[in-house]
């Protein structure tokens, strides 16, 4: 009886300590995105620009900002949004060009590899 009590007393803390570790390993949660990536930075800048435009419109409708200040704020935030869109477009184009370069490089390497393997077969005969 004393041994059973000792086993129970030692197993309960082991379960309490091991449960979070097992739960974390068993979870199918995806790995969070890299917040330092260019795409994440551009998304943050885009959201900031849109929020600035919304805030300027709200301030104008409430009457805290006169029309000239509103137009200036709107112009600044629209310019930021345009720069972000341009950067996103450039990054997509860069990605496409890199993919094309990689595919061309692999296409050039594959005939070389196949011809080298053909020569090896001929040498073995």
Protein backbone atom coordinates (compact mmCIF):
# COMPACT_ATOMS: atom_id res chain seq x y z
CA UNK A 1 0.00 0.00 0.00
CA UNK A 2 2.84 2.33 0.85
CA UNK A 3 4.52 1.55 -2.49
CA UNK A 4 1.28 2.29 -4.38
CA UNK A 5 0.96 5.65 -2.64
CA UNK A 6 4.59 6.48 -3.47
CA UNK A 7 4.04 5.58 -7.14
CA UNK A 8 0.88 7.70 -7.34
CA UNK A 9 2.59 10.63 -5.64
CA UNK A 10 5.50 10.46 -8.10
CA UNK A 11 3.38 9.88 -11.24
CA UNK A 12 1.03 12.85 -10.69
CA UNK A 13 3.80 15.52 -10.82
CA UNK A 14 5.35 13.76 -13.82
CA UNK A 15 2.01 13.99 -15.64
CA UNK A 16 1.57 17.63 -14.64
CA UNK A 17 5.05 18.49 -15.91
CA UNK A 18 4.90 16.34 -19.04
CA UNK A 19 1.40 17.29 -20.22
CA UNK A 20 2.29 20.74 -21.65
CA UNK A 21 5.31 19.29 -23.43
CA UNK A 22 3.29 16.46 -24.95
CA UNK A 23 0.47 18.83 -25.87
CA UNK A 24 2.87 21.19 -27.64
CA UNK A 25 4.48 18.36 -29.60
CA UNK A 26 1.12 16.84 -30.54
CA UNK A 27 -0.49 20.10 -31.62
CA UNK A 28 -0.84 20.72 -35.32
CA UNK A 29 -0.45 24.47 -34.95
CA UNK A 30 1.45 26.02 -37.79
CA UNK A 31 4.69 27.86 -37.26
CA UNK A 32 4.08 31.61 -37.08
CA UNK A 33 5.19 33.70 -40.03
CA UNK A 34 8.49 35.52 -39.95
CA UNK A 35 7.64 39.04 -38.79
CA UNK A 36 10.94 40.42 -40.05
CA UNK A 37 10.31 39.49 -43.68
CA UNK A 38 9.86 42.08 -46.40
CA UNK A 39 6.30 40.98 -47.07
CA UNK A 40 5.29 41.34 -43.40
CA UNK A 41 6.89 44.79 -43.25
CA UNK A 42 5.02 45.88 -46.36
CA UNK A 43 1.76 44.56 -44.92
CA UNK A 44 2.33 46.57 -41.74
CA UNK A 45 3.08 49.70 -43.76
CA UNK A 46 -0.05 49.12 -45.88
CA UNK A 47 -2.25 48.75 -42.79
CA UNK A 48 -0.66 51.86 -41.28
CA UNK A 49 -1.35 53.89 -44.41
CA UNK A 50 -4.98 52.75 -44.55
CA UNK A 51 -5.43 53.46 -40.85
CA UNK A 52 -3.96 56.94 -41.38
CA UNK A 53 -6.47 57.65 -44.15
CA UNK A 54 -9.35 56.40 -41.98
CA UNK A 55 -8.11 58.48 -39.05
CA UNK A 56 -7.82 61.61 -41.21
CA UNK A 57 -11.37 61.10 -42.51
CA UNK A 58 -12.66 60.63 -38.98
CA UNK A 59 -10.89 63.76 -37.74
CA UNK A 60 -12.31 65.72 -40.69
CA UNK A 61 -15.85 64.49 -40.05
CA UNK A 62 -15.61 65.31 -36.33
CA UNK A 63 -14.24 68.76 -37.11
CA UNK A 64 -10.85 68.47 -35.42
CA UNK A 65 -9.00 69.08 -38.71
CA UNK A 66 -9.71 71.72 -41.31
CA UNK A 67 -9.95 70.82 -44.98
CA UNK A 68 -6.42 71.86 -45.97
CA UNK A 69 -4.89 69.71 -43.21
CA UNK A 70 -7.19 66.84 -44.15
CA UNK A 71 -6.10 67.03 -47.78
CA UNK A 72 -2.43 67.11 -46.74
CA UNK A 73 -2.86 64.09 -44.41
CA UNK A 74 -4.76 62.20 -47.08
CA UNK A 75 -2.05 62.97 -49.65
CA UNK A 76 0.71 61.78 -47.31
CA UNK A 77 -1.07 58.51 -46.50
CA UNK A 78 -2.07 57.91 -50.11
CA UNK A 79 1.56 58.39 -51.18
CA UNK A 80 2.66 55.87 -48.54
CA UNK A 81 0.02 53.39 -49.74
CA UNK A 82 1.16 53.88 -53.34
CA UNK A 83 4.80 53.26 -52.39
CA UNK A 84 3.81 50.07 -50.58
CA UNK A 85 1.82 48.83 -53.58
CA UNK A 86 4.74 49.61 -55.86
CA UNK A 87 7.14 47.77 -53.55
CA UNK A 88 4.79 44.77 -53.41
CA UNK A 89 4.60 44.73 -57.21
CA UNK A 90 8.37 44.96 -57.49
CA UNK A 91 8.85 42.15 -54.99
CA UNK A 92 6.43 39.94 -56.94
CA UNK A 93 8.29 40.72 -60.18
CA UNK A 94 11.62 40.01 -58.48
CA UNK A 95 10.25 36.72 -57.22
CA UNK A 96 9.10 35.75 -60.70
CA UNK A 97 12.45 36.69 -62.24
CA UNK A 98 14.33 34.69 -59.61
CA UNK A 99 12.12 31.67 -60.27
CA UNK A 100 12.79 32.01 -64.01
CA UNK A 101 16.54 32.27 -63.42
CA UNK A 102 16.49 29.20 -61.19
CA UNK A 103 14.44 27.21 -63.68
CA UNK A 104 16.80 28.22 -66.51
CA UNK A 105 19.80 27.23 -64.42
CA UNK A 106 18.29 23.85 -63.59
CA UNK A 107 17.34 23.31 -67.24
CA UNK A 108 20.94 24.03 -68.25
CA UNK A 109 22.31 21.71 -65.57
CA UNK A 110 19.99 18.80 -66.31
CA UNK A 111 21.28 18.21 -69.91
CA UNK A 112 24.83 18.43 -68.62
CA UNK A 113 24.07 15.90 -65.91
CA UNK A 114 22.32 13.57 -68.34
CA UNK A 115 25.20 13.78 -70.82
CA UNK A 116 27.71 13.13 -68.03
CA UNK A 117 25.74 10.10 -66.90
CA UNK A 118 25.66 8.90 -70.52
CA UNK A 119 29.43 9.18 -70.75
CA UNK A 120 29.83 7.23 -67.55
CA UNK A 121 27.68 4.46 -68.96
CA UNK A 122 29.79 4.37 -72.12
CA UNK A 123 33.01 4.26 -70.09
CA UNK A 124 31.81 1.27 -68.08
CA UNK A 125 31.23 -0.83 -71.24
